[in-house]
Amino acid sequence: MGATKTEHFTDKQNALATLTKALGHPARIAIMEYLIKVDACICGDIVNHLPLAQPTVSQHLKELKQAGLIKGEVEGNSICYCIDEKAIGKLLSYFTALANRIEKKNSCC
């Protein structure tokens, strides 16, 4: 199996790839949508809203947190998760710029 060779790409490209890769699973999309809806919650709340076992939800939360899409703070025996707005801003900025370039290109043809 070959290496990913991420060193051949810019820091920005690697950072965006990390964010989008973390969103590459429907359960993680569902978690993000739930966190946006409730603004913050504990892991147990998320488990009650998804058709997944608690360990599976925890693994998805870990992936989202490692990518920087969510933040988690310990509150007693639980971890309270919320969206990291800076990461969402990076995605928004990237996809807005991409859409603008496509729109500009299409208006020239």
PDB file of N, CA and C in Angstrom:
ATOM      1  N   MET A   1       0.848  -1.183   0.000  1.00  0.00           N
ATOM      2  CA  MET A   1       0.000   0.000   0.000  1.00  0.00           C
ATOM      3  C   MET A   1       0.887   1.237   0.000  1.00  0.00           C
ATOM      4  N   GLY A   2       0.592   2.215  -0.834  1.00  0.00           N
ATOM      5  CA  GLY A   2       1.422   3.401  -0.987  1.00  0.00           C
ATOM      6  C   GLY A   2       1.209   4.427   0.104  1.00  0.00           C
ATOM      7  N   ALA A   3       2.181   5.303   0.238  1.00  0.00           N
ATOM      8  CA  ALA A   3       2.093   6.395   1.206  1.00  0.00           C
ATOM      9  C   ALA A   3       1.198   7.490   0.646  1.00  0.00           C
ATOM     10  N   THR A   4       0.653   8.323   1.530  1.00  0.00           N
ATOM     11  CA  THR A   4      -0.255   9.375   1.090  1.00  0.00           C
ATOM     12  C   THR A   4       0.473  10.583   0.531  1.00  0.00           C
ATOM     13  N   LYS A   5       1.745  10.760   0.908  1.00  0.00           N
ATOM     14  CA  LYS A   5       2.575  11.849   0.393  1.00  0.00           C
ATOM     15  C   LYS A   5       1.966  13.223   0.642  1.00  0.00           C
ATOM     16  N   THR A   6       1.432  13.424   1.833  1.00  0.00           N
ATOM     17  CA  THR A   6       0.809  14.706   2.161  1.00  0.00           C
ATOM     18  C   THR A   6       1.809  15.855   2.164  1.00  0.00           C
ATOM     19  N   GLU A   7       3.097  15.531   2.256  1.00  0.00           N
ATOM     20  CA  GLU A   7       4.118  16.585   2.262  1.00  0.00           C
ATOM     21  C   GLU A   7       4.193  17.316   0.928  1.00  0.00           C
ATOM     22  N   HIS A   8       3.578  16.754  -0.108  1.00  0.00           N
ATOM     23  CA  HIS A   8       3.582  17.382  -1.427  1.00  0.00           C
ATOM     24  C   HIS A   8       2.503  18.462  -1.571  1.00  0.00           C
ATOM     25  N   PHE A   9       1.703  18.629  -0.536  1.00  0.00           N
ATOM     26  CA  PHE A   9       0.596  19.570  -0.591  1.00  0.00           C
ATOM     27  C   PHE A   9       0.764  20.652   0.465  1.00  0.00           C
ATOM     28  N   THR A  10       0.064  21.769   0.286  1.00  0.00           N
ATOM     29  CA  THR A  10       0.197  22.884   1.223  1.00  0.00           C
ATOM     30  C   THR A  10      -0.458  22.540   2.560  1.00  0.00           C
ATOM     31  N   ASP A  11      -0.095  23.299   3.577  1.00  0.00           N
ATOM     32  CA  ASP A  11      -0.714  23.112   4.888  1.00  0.00           C
ATOM     33  C   ASP A  11      -2.220  23.330   4.799  1.00  0.00           C
ATOM     34  N   LYS A  12      -2.618  24.320   4.014  1.00  0.00           N
ATOM     35  CA  LYS A  12      -4.050  24.615   3.858  1.00  0.00           C
ATOM     36  C   LYS A  12      -4.769  23.443   3.192  1.00  0.00           C
ATOM     37  N   GLN A  13      -4.181  22.870   2.154  1.00  0.00           N
ATOM     38  CA  GLN A  13      -4.787  21.724   1.477  1.00  0.00           C
ATOM     39  C   GLN A  13      -4.900  20.528   2.416  1.00  0.00           C
ATOM     40  N   ASN A  14      -3.863  20.278   3.190  1.00  0.00           N
ATOM     41  CA  ASN A  14      -3.895  19.166   4.144  1.00  0.00           C
ATOM     42  C   ASN A  14      -4.939  19.402   5.232  1.00  0.00           C
ATOM     43  N   ALA A  15      -5.051  20.637   5.714  1.00  0.00           N
ATOM     44  CA  ALA A  15      -6.024  20.961   6.757  1.00  0.00           C
ATOM     45  C   ALA A  15      -7.454  20.787   6.240  1.00  0.00           C
ATOM     46  N   LEU A  16      -7.700  21.263   5.033  1.00  0.00           N
ATOM     47  CA  LEU A  16      -9.037  21.105   4.445  1.00  0.00           C
ATOM     48  C   LEU A  16      -9.354  19.636   4.188  1.00  0.00           C
ATOM     49  N   ALA A  17      -8.367  18.867   3.766  1.00  0.00           N
ATOM     50  CA  ALA A  17      -8.571  17.438   3.542  1.00  0.00           C
ATOM     51  C   ALA A  17      -8.933  16.729   4.849  1.00  0.00           C
ATOM     52  N   THR A  18      -8.306  17.120   5.938  1.00  0.00           N
ATOM     53  CA  THR A  18      -8.610  16.532   7.243  1.00  0.00           C
ATOM     54  C   THR A  18     -10.053  16.828   7.645  1.00  0.00           C
ATOM     55  N   LEU A  19     -10.474  18.072   7.449  1.00  0.00           N
ATOM     56  CA  LEU A  19     -11.844  18.450   7.793  1.00  0.00           C
ATOM     57  C   LEU A  19     -12.863  17.693   6.949  1.00  0.00           C
ATOM     58  N   THR A  20     -12.640  17.661   5.642  1.00  0.00           N
ATOM     59  CA  THR A  20     -13.614  17.018   4.768  1.00  0.00           C
ATOM     60  C   THR A  20     -13.615  15.500   4.930  1.00  0.00           C
ATOM     61  N   LYS A  21     -12.454  14.927   5.217  1.00  0.00           N
ATOM     62  CA  LYS A  21     -12.396  13.480   5.448  1.00  0.00           C
ATOM     63  C   LYS A  21     -13.228  13.105   6.678  1.00  0.00           C
ATOM     64  N   ALA A  22     -13.155  13.921   7.710  1.00  0.00           N
ATOM     65  CA  ALA A  22     -13.928  13.652   8.928  1.00  0.00           C
ATOM     66  C   ALA A  22     -15.426  13.722   8.656  1.00  0.00           C
ATOM     67  N   LEU A  23     -15.820  14.494   7.667  1.00  0.00           N
ATOM     68  CA  LEU A  23     -17.238  14.599   7.313  1.00  0.00           C
ATOM     69  C   LEU A  23     -17.668  13.518   6.323  1.00  0.00           C
ATOM     70  N   GLY A  24     -16.767  12.622   5.984  1.00  0.00           N
ATOM     71  CA  GLY A  24     -17.029  11.613   4.971  1.00  0.00           C
ATOM     72  C   GLY A  24     -17.798  10.396   5.441  1.00  0.00           C
ATOM     73  N   HIS A  25     -18.547  10.517   6.504  1.00  0.00           N
ATOM     74  CA  HIS A  25     -19.359   9.407   6.988  1.00  0.00           C
ATOM     75  C   HIS A  25     -20.727   9.959   7.383  1.00  0.00           C
ATOM     76  N   PRO A  26     -21.815   9.292   6.982  1.00  0.00           N
ATOM     77  CA  PRO A  26     -23.144   9.830   7.290  1.00  0.00           C
ATOM     78  C   PRO A  26     -23.429   9.981   8.778  1.00  0.00           C
ATOM     79  N   ALA A  27     -22.855   9.122   9.604  1.00  0.00           N
ATOM     80  CA  ALA A  27     -23.068   9.260  11.054  1.00  0.00           C
ATOM     81  C   ALA A  27     -22.448  10.555  11.567  1.00  0.00           C
ATOM     82  N   ARG A  28     -21.310  10.931  11.021  1.00  0.00           N
ATOM     83  CA  ARG A  28     -20.653  12.167  11.454  1.00  0.00           C
ATOM     84  C   ARG A  28     -21.426  13.388  10.966  1.00  0.00           C
ATOM     85  N   ILE A  29     -22.000  13.283   9.781  1.00  0.00           N
ATOM     86  CA  ILE A  29     -22.867  14.363   9.288  1.00  0.00           C
ATOM     87  C   ILE A  29     -24.062  14.503  10.227  1.00  0.00           C
ATOM     88  N   ALA A  30     -24.663  13.390  10.613  1.00  0.00           N
ATOM     89  CA  ALA A  30     -25.809  13.414  11.527  1.00  0.00           C
ATOM     90  C   ALA A  30     -25.425  14.011  12.873  1.00  0.00           C
ATOM     91  N   ILE A  31     -24.249  13.671  13.372  1.00  0.00           N
ATOM     92  CA  ILE A  31     -23.774  14.237  14.642  1.00  0.00           C
ATOM     93  C   ILE A  31     -23.605  15.741  14.515  1.00  0.00           C
ATOM     94  N   MET A  32     -22.984  16.189  13.427  1.00  0.00           N
ATOM     95  CA  MET A  32     -22.795  17.631  13.217  1.00  0.00           C
ATOM     96  C   MET A  32     -24.148  18.347  13.152  1.00  0.00           C
ATOM     97  N   GLU A  33     -25.088  17.778  12.418  1.00  0.00           N
ATOM     98  CA  GLU A  33     -26.413  18.389  12.310  1.00  0.00           C
ATOM     99  C   GLU A  33     -27.099  18.462  13.674  1.00  0.00           C
ATOM    100  N   TYR A  34     -26.951  17.404  14.467  1.00  0.00           N
ATOM    101  CA  TYR A  34     -27.552  17.407  15.806  1.00  0.00           C
ATOM    102  C   TYR A  34     -26.907  18.466  16.695  1.00  0.00           C
ATOM    103  N   LEU A  35     -25.584  18.568  16.655  1.00  0.00           N
ATOM    104  CA  LEU A  35     -24.897  19.566  17.473  1.00  0.00           C
ATOM    105  C   LEU A  35     -25.284  20.991  17.068  1.00  0.00           C
ATOM    106  N   ILE A  36     -25.472  21.216  15.785  1.00  0.00           N
ATOM    107  CA  ILE A  36     -25.913  22.534  15.323  1.00  0.00           C
ATOM    108  C   ILE A  36     -27.327  22.810  15.828  1.00  0.00           C
ATOM    109  N   LYS A  37     -28.164  21.807  15.788  1.00  0.00           N
ATOM    110  CA  LYS A  37     -29.562  21.953  16.212  1.00  0.00           C
ATOM    111  C   LYS A  37     -29.669  22.299  17.698  1.00  0.00           C
ATOM    112  N   VAL A  38     -28.910  21.601  18.536  1.00  0.00           N
ATOM    113  CA  VAL A  38     -29.043  21.797  19.982  1.00  0.00           C
ATOM    114  C   VAL A  38     -28.015  22.766  20.550  1.00  0.00           C
ATOM    115  N   ASP A  39     -27.007  23.133  19.775  1.00  0.00           N
ATOM    116  CA  ASP A  39     -25.955  24.080  20.133  1.00  0.00           C
ATOM    117  C   ASP A  39     -24.909  23.502  21.077  1.00  0.00           C
ATOM    118  N   ALA A  40     -25.223  22.474  21.845  1.00  0.00           N
ATOM    119  CA  ALA A  40     -24.273  21.769  22.705  1.00  0.00           C
ATOM    120  C   ALA A  40     -25.003  20.581  23.315  1.00  0.00           C
ATOM    121  N   CYS A  41     -24.293  19.542  23.648  1.00  0.00           N
ATOM    122  CA  CYS A  41     -24.941  18.392  24.272  1.00  0.00           C
ATOM    123  C   CYS A  41     -23.889  17.465  24.860  1.00  0.00           C
ATOM    124  N   ILE A  42     -24.342  16.435  25.536  1.00  0.00           N
ATOM    125  CA  ILE A  42     -23.428  15.417  26.030  1.00  0.00           C
ATOM    126  C   ILE A  42     -23.538  14.191  25.146  1.00  0.00           C
ATOM    127  N   CYS A  43     -22.573  13.323  25.203  1.00  0.00           N
ATOM    128  CA  CYS A  43     -22.522  12.145  24.331  1.00  0.00           C
ATOM    129  C   CYS A  43     -23.785  11.302  24.455  1.00  0.00           C
ATOM    130  N   GLY A  44     -24.294  11.138  25.653  1.00  0.00           N
ATOM    131  CA  GLY A  44     -25.504  10.335  25.854  1.00  0.00           C
ATOM    132  C   GLY A  44     -26.677  10.856  25.062  1.00  0.00           C
ATOM    133  N   ASP A  45     -26.812  12.171  24.960  1.00  0.00           N
ATOM    134  CA  ASP A  45     -27.888  12.765  24.172  1.00  0.00           C
ATOM    135  C   ASP A  45     -27.750  12.391  22.706  1.00  0.00           C
ATOM    136  N   ILE A  46     -26.555  12.395  22.201  1.00  0.00           N
ATOM    137  CA  ILE A  46     -26.322  12.070  20.800  1.00  0.00           C
ATOM    138  C   ILE A  46     -26.691  10.610  20.543  1.00  0.00           C
ATOM    139  N   VAL A  47     -26.304   9.732  21.432  1.00  0.00           N
ATOM    140  CA  VAL A  47     -26.600   8.306  21.286  1.00  0.00           C
ATOM    141  C   VAL A  47     -28.106   8.088  21.192  1.00  0.00           C
ATOM    142  N   ASN A  48     -28.890   8.858  21.950  1.00  0.00           N
ATOM    143  CA  ASN A  48     -30.343   8.704  21.938  1.00  0.00           C
ATOM    144  C   ASN A  48     -30.966   9.145  20.614  1.00  0.00           C
ATOM    145  N   HIS A  49     -30.241   9.895  19.797  1.00  0.00           N
ATOM    146  CA  HIS A  49     -30.780  10.409  18.541  1.00  0.00           C
ATOM    147  C   HIS A  49     -30.216   9.716  17.297  1.00  0.00           C
ATOM    148  N   LEU A  50     -29.364   8.742  17.487  1.00  0.00           N
ATOM    149  CA  LEU A  50     -28.767   8.026  16.356  1.00  0.00           C
ATOM    150  C   LEU A  50     -28.991   6.522  16.507  1.00  0.00           C
ATOM    151  N   PRO A  51     -29.110   5.818  15.396  1.00  0.00           N
ATOM    152  CA  PRO A  51     -29.308   4.368  15.470  1.00  0.00           C
ATOM    153  C   PRO A  51     -27.985   3.615  15.599  1.00  0.00           C
ATOM    154  N   LEU A  52     -27.131   4.102  16.499  1.00  0.00           N
ATOM    155  CA  LEU A  52     -25.806   3.519  16.682  1.00  0.00           C
ATOM    156  C   LEU A  52     -25.551   3.256  18.155  1.00  0.00           C
ATOM    157  N   ALA A  53     -24.682   2.305  18.420  1.00  0.00           N
ATOM    158  CA  ALA A  53     -24.297   1.994  19.789  1.00  0.00           C
ATOM    159  C   ALA A  53     -23.402   3.100  20.350  1.00  0.00           C
ATOM    160  N   GLN A  54     -23.383   3.225  21.654  1.00  0.00           N
ATOM    161  CA  GLN A  54     -22.611   4.273  22.323  1.00  0.00           C
ATOM    162  C   GLN A  54     -21.126   4.236  21.948  1.00  0.00           C
ATOM    163  N   PRO A  55     -20.478   3.060  21.904  1.00  0.00           N
ATOM    164  CA  PRO A  55     -19.061   3.045  21.519  1.00  0.00           C
ATOM    165  C   PRO A  55     -18.832   3.546  20.089  1.00  0.00           C
ATOM    166  N   THR A  56     -19.773   3.268  19.195  1.00  0.00           N
ATOM    167  CA  THR A  56     -19.657   3.727  17.818  1.00  0.00           C
ATOM    168  C   THR A  56     -19.783   5.248  17.749  1.00  0.00           C
ATOM    169  N   VAL A  57     -20.749   5.786  18.477  1.00  0.00           N
ATOM    170  CA  VAL A  57     -20.918   7.243  18.523  1.00  0.00           C
ATOM    171  C   VAL A  57     -19.669   7.889  19.111  1.00  0.00           C
ATOM    172  N   SER A  58     -19.131   7.306  20.154  1.00  0.00           N
ATOM    173  CA  SER A  58     -17.913   7.846  20.778  1.00  0.00           C
ATOM    174  C   SER A  58     -16.753   7.872  19.787  1.00  0.00           C
ATOM    175  N   GLN A  59     -16.626   6.831  18.981  1.00  0.00           N
ATOM    176  CA  GLN A  59     -15.558   6.790  17.981  1.00  0.00           C
ATOM    177  C   GLN A  59     -15.753   7.888  16.935  1.00  0.00           C
ATOM    178  N   HIS A  60     -16.977   8.102  16.498  1.00  0.00           N
ATOM    179  CA  HIS A  60     -17.249   9.173  15.532  1.00  0.00           C
ATOM    180  C   HIS A  60     -16.978  10.552  16.153  1.00  0.00           C
ATOM    181  N   LEU A  61     -17.344  10.727  17.403  1.00  0.00           N
ATOM    182  CA  LEU A  61     -17.060  11.990  18.094  1.00  0.00           C
ATOM    183  C   LEU A  61     -15.554  12.222  18.190  1.00  0.00           C
ATOM    184  N   LYS A  62     -14.820  11.155  18.457  1.00  0.00           N
ATOM    185  CA  LYS A  62     -13.362  11.250  18.531  1.00  0.00           C
ATOM    186  C   LYS A  62     -12.786  11.699  17.190  1.00  0.00           C
ATOM    187  N   GLU A  63     -13.272  11.136  16.098  1.00  0.00           N
ATOM    188  CA  GLU A  63     -12.796  11.512  14.766  1.00  0.00           C
ATOM    189  C   GLU A  63     -13.104  12.982  14.468  1.00  0.00           C
ATOM    190  N   LEU A  64     -14.306  13.415  14.799  1.00  0.00           N
ATOM    191  CA  LEU A  64     -14.688  14.811  14.566  1.00  0.00           C
ATOM    192  C   LEU A  64     -13.853  15.765  15.412  1.00  0.00           C
ATOM    193  N   LYS A  65     -13.574  15.349  16.639  1.00  0.00           N
ATOM    194  CA  LYS A  65     -12.768  16.188  17.535  1.00  0.00           C
ATOM    195  C   LYS A  65     -11.319  16.254  17.061  1.00  0.00           C
ATOM    196  N   GLN A  66     -10.751  15.122  16.658  1.00  0.00           N
ATOM    197  CA  GLN A  66      -9.365  15.107  16.168  1.00  0.00           C
ATOM    198  C   GLN A  66      -9.210  15.964  14.914  1.00  0.00           C
ATOM    199  N   ALA A  67     -10.239  16.000  14.086  1.00  0.00           N
ATOM    200  CA  ALA A  67     -10.197  16.817  12.869  1.00  0.00           C
ATOM    201  C   ALA A  67     -10.367  18.300  13.185  1.00  0.00           C
ATOM    202  N   GLY A  68     -10.871  18.605  14.383  1.00  0.00           N
ATOM    203  CA  GLY A  68     -11.062  19.998  14.767  1.00  0.00           C
ATOM    204  C   GLY A  68     -12.439  20.544  14.449  1.00  0.00           C
ATOM    205  N   LEU A  69     -13.364  19.684  14.065  1.00  0.00           N
ATOM    206  CA  LEU A  69     -14.713  20.144  13.741  1.00  0.00           C
ATOM    207  C   LEU A  69     -15.573  20.375  14.971  1.00  0.00           C
ATOM    208  N   ILE A  70     -15.264  19.680  16.062  1.00  0.00           N
ATOM    209  CA  ILE A  70     -16.005  19.874  17.302  1.00  0.00           C
ATOM    210  C   ILE A  70     -15.026  20.059  18.448  1.00  0.00           C
ATOM    211  N   LYS A  71     -15.540  20.638  19.520  1.00  0.00           N
ATOM    212  CA  LYS A  71     -14.780  20.785  20.758  1.00  0.00           C
ATOM    213  C   LYS A  71     -15.508  19.985  21.827  1.00  0.00           C
ATOM    214  N   GLY A  72     -14.766  19.503  22.793  1.00  0.00           N
ATOM    215  CA  GLY A  72     -15.373  18.758  23.889  1.00  0.00           C
ATOM    216  C   GLY A  72     -14.765  19.164  25.215  1.00  0.00           C
ATOM    217  N   GLU A  73     -15.641  19.414  26.187  1.00  0.00           N
ATOM    218  CA  GLU A  73     -15.196  19.779  27.539  1.00  0.00           C
ATOM    219  C   GLU A  73     -15.802  18.811  28.540  1.00  0.00           C
ATOM    220  N   VAL A  74     -14.986  18.394  29.504  1.00  0.00           N
ATOM    221  CA  VAL A  74     -15.454  17.483  30.535  1.00  0.00           C
ATOM    222  C   VAL A  74     -16.347  18.251  31.500  1.00  0.00           C
ATOM    223  N   GLU A  75     -17.535  17.686  31.725  1.00  0.00           N
ATOM    224  CA  GLU A  75     -18.484  18.232  32.705  1.00  0.00           C
ATOM    225  C   GLU A  75     -18.954  17.076  33.570  1.00  0.00           C
ATOM    226  N   GLY A  76     -18.347  16.927  34.729  1.00  0.00           N
ATOM    227  CA  GLY A  76     -18.682  15.803  35.599  1.00  0.00           C
ATOM    228  C   GLY A  76     -18.202  14.511  34.986  1.00  0.00           C
ATOM    229  N   ASN A  77     -19.139  13.570  34.797  1.00  0.00           N
ATOM    230  CA  ASN A  77     -18.808  12.275  34.201  1.00  0.00           C
ATOM    231  C   ASN A  77     -19.003  12.250  32.692  1.00  0.00           C
ATOM    232  N   SER A  78     -19.379  13.378  32.118  1.00  0.00           N
ATOM    233  CA  SER A  78     -19.678  13.427  30.684  1.00  0.00           C
ATOM    234  C   SER A  78     -18.797  14.444  29.980  1.00  0.00           C
ATOM    235  N   ILE A  79     -18.829  14.392  28.674  1.00  0.00           N
ATOM    236  CA  ILE A  79     -18.140  15.388  27.857  1.00  0.00           C
ATOM    237  C   ILE A  79     -19.194  16.146  27.078  1.00  0.00           C
ATOM    238  N   CYS A  80     -19.166  17.463  27.183  1.00  0.00           N
ATOM    239  CA  CYS A  80     -20.096  18.312  26.456  1.00  0.00           C
ATOM    240  C   CYS A  80     -19.438  18.708  25.139  1.00  0.00           C
ATOM    241  N   TYR A  81     -20.078  18.364  24.033  1.00  0.00           N
ATOM    242  CA  TYR A  81     -19.530  18.644  22.711  1.00  0.00           C
ATOM    243  C   TYR A  81     -20.253  19.814  22.065  1.00  0.00           C
ATOM    244  N   CYS A  82     -19.513  20.588  21.288  1.00  0.00           N
ATOM    245  CA  CYS A  82     -20.114  21.658  20.496  1.00  0.00           C
ATOM    246  C   CYS A  82     -19.309  21.847  19.218  1.00  0.00           C
ATOM    247  N   ILE A  83     -19.910  22.515  18.255  1.00  0.00           N
ATOM    248  CA  ILE A  83     -19.283  22.786  16.967  1.00  0.00           C
ATOM    249  C   ILE A  83     -18.135  23.775  17.153  1.00  0.00           C
ATOM    250  N   ASP A  84     -17.020  23.550  16.470  1.00  0.00           N
ATOM    251  CA  ASP A  84     -15.932  24.526  16.449  1.00  0.00           C
ATOM    252  C   ASP A  84     -16.184  25.446  15.260  1.00  0.00           C
ATOM    253  N   GLU A  85     -16.641  26.642  15.559  1.00  0.00           N
ATOM    254  CA  GLU A  85     -17.051  27.576  14.516  1.00  0.00           C
ATOM    255  C   GLU A  85     -15.896  27.999  13.607  1.00  0.00           C
ATOM    256  N   LYS A  86     -14.675  27.977  14.112  1.00  0.00           N
ATOM    257  CA  LYS A  86     -13.524  28.325  13.273  1.00  0.00           C
ATOM    258  C   LYS A  86     -13.358  27.313  12.139  1.00  0.00           C
ATOM    259  N   ALA A  87     -13.521  26.047  12.454  1.00  0.00           N
ATOM    260  CA  ALA A  87     -13.387  25.005  11.426  1.00  0.00           C
ATOM    261  C   ALA A  87     -14.489  25.140  10.387  1.00  0.00           C
ATOM    262  N   ILE A  88     -15.694  25.427  10.831  1.00  0.00           N
ATOM    263  CA  ILE A  88     -16.806  25.606   9.894  1.00  0.00           C
ATOM    264  C   ILE A  88     -16.541  26.828   9.016  1.00  0.00           C
ATOM    265  N   GLY A  89     -15.961  27.859   9.596  1.00  0.00           N
ATOM    266  CA  GLY A  89     -15.600  29.053   8.825  1.00  0.00           C
ATOM    267  C   GLY A  89     -14.584  28.746   7.734  1.00  0.00           C
ATOM    268  N   LYS A  90     -13.627  27.884   8.038  1.00  0.00           N
ATOM    269  CA  LYS A  90     -12.633  27.484   7.029  1.00  0.00           C
ATOM    270  C   LYS A  90     -13.292  26.746   5.880  1.00  0.00           C
ATOM    271  N   LEU A  91     -14.203  25.837   6.209  1.00  0.00           N
ATOM    272  CA  LEU A  91     -14.921  25.108   5.163  1.00  0.00           C
ATOM    273  C   LEU A  91     -15.776  26.042   4.325  1.00  0.00           C
ATOM    274  N   LEU A  92     -16.480  26.930   4.999  1.00  0.00           N
ATOM    275  CA  LEU A  92     -17.332  27.885   4.295  1.00  0.00           C
ATOM    276  C   LEU A  92     -16.516  28.758   3.362  1.00  0.00           C
ATOM    277  N   SER A  93     -15.399  29.245   3.841  1.00  0.00           N
ATOM    278  CA  SER A  93     -14.531  30.095   3.032  1.00  0.00           C
ATOM    279  C   SER A  93     -14.031  29.342   1.806  1.00  0.00           C
ATOM    280  N   TYR A  94     -13.598  28.119   2.000  1.00  0.00           N
ATOM    281  CA  TYR A  94     -13.076  27.328   0.894  1.00  0.00           C
ATOM    282  C   TYR A  94     -14.152  27.061  -0.157  1.00  0.00           C
ATOM    283  N   PHE A  95     -15.305  26.574   0.294  1.00  0.00           N
ATOM    284  CA  PHE A  95     -16.346  26.214  -0.667  1.00  0.00           C
ATOM    285  C   PHE A  95     -16.983  27.439  -1.321  1.00  0.00           C
ATOM    286  N   THR A  96     -17.024  28.566  -0.620  1.00  0.00           N
ATOM    287  CA  THR A  96     -17.508  29.804  -1.228  1.00  0.00           C
ATOM    288  C   THR A  96     -16.562  30.250  -2.329  1.00  0.00           C
ATOM    289  N   ALA A  97     -15.261  30.219  -2.047  1.00  0.00           N
ATOM    290  CA  ALA A  97     -14.270  30.600  -3.061  1.00  0.00           C
ATOM    291  C   ALA A  97     -14.321  29.650  -4.257  1.00  0.00           C
ATOM    292  N   LEU A  98     -14.478  28.372  -3.991  1.00  0.00           N
ATOM    293  CA  LEU A  98     -14.567  27.379  -5.060  1.00  0.00           C
ATOM    294  C   LEU A  98     -15.809  27.632  -5.924  1.00  0.00           C
ATOM    295  N   ALA A  99     -16.939  27.873  -5.284  1.00  0.00           N
ATOM    296  CA  ALA A  99     -18.172  28.139  -6.019  1.00  0.00           C
ATOM    297  C   ALA A  99     -18.053  29.417  -6.849  1.00  0.00           C
ATOM    298  N   ASN A 100     -17.414  30.430  -6.283  1.00  0.00           N
ATOM    299  CA  ASN A 100     -17.226  31.691  -7.010  1.00  0.00           C
ATOM    300  C   ASN A 100     -16.348  31.490  -8.242  1.00  0.00           C
ATOM    301  N   ARG A 101     -15.295  30.680  -8.114  1.00  0.00           N
ATOM    302  CA  ARG A 101     -14.427  30.405  -9.267  1.00  0.00           C
ATOM    303  C   ARG A 101     -15.167  29.638 -10.355  1.00  0.00           C
ATOM    304  N   ILE A 102     -15.988  28.692  -9.941  1.00  0.00           N
ATOM    305  CA  ILE A 102     -16.765  27.920 -10.914  1.00  0.00           C
ATOM    306  C   ILE A 102     -17.779  28.823 -11.615  1.00  0.00           C
ATOM    307  N   GLU A 103     -18.433  29.665 -10.836  1.00  0.00           N
ATOM    308  CA  GLU A 103     -19.419  30.584 -11.406  1.00  0.00           C
ATOM    309  C   GLU A 103     -18.765  31.547 -12.399  1.00  0.00           C
ATOM    310  N   LYS A 104     -17.599  32.061 -12.021  1.00  0.00           N
ATOM    311  CA  LYS A 104     -16.876  32.989 -12.898  1.00  0.00           C
ATOM    312  C   LYS A 104     -16.453  32.271 -14.184  1.00  0.00           C
ATOM    313  N   LYS A 105     -15.954  31.048 -14.040  1.00  0.00           N
ATOM    314  CA  LYS A 105     -15.515  30.259 -15.200  1.00  0.00           C
ATOM    315  C   LYS A 105     -16.686  29.993 -16.137  1.00  0.00           C
ATOM    316  N   ASN A 106     -17.841  29.630 -15.571  1.00  0.00           N
ATOM    317  CA  ASN A 106     -19.017  29.316 -16.383  1.00  0.00           C
ATOM    318  C   ASN A 106     -19.586  30.541 -17.066  1.00  0.00           C
ATOM    319  N   SER A 107     -19.411  31.715 -16.468  1.00  0.00           N
ATOM    320  CA  SER A 107     -19.929  32.934 -17.107  1.00  0.00           C
ATOM    321  C   SER A 107     -19.050  33.357 -18.284  1.00  0.00           C
ATOM    322  N   CYS A 108     -17.829  32.858 -18.351  1.00  0.00           N
ATOM    323  CA  CYS A 108     -16.906  33.185 -19.443  1.00  0.00           C
ATOM    324  C   CYS A 108     -17.115  32.284 -20.653  1.00  0.00           C
ATOM    325  N   CYS A 109     -17.723  31.157 -20.490  1.00  0.00           N
ATOM    326  CA  CYS A 109     -17.843  30.169 -21.574  1.00  0.00           C
ATOM    327  C   CYS A 109     -19.065  30.402 -22.433  1.00  0.00           C
TER     328      CYS A 109
END
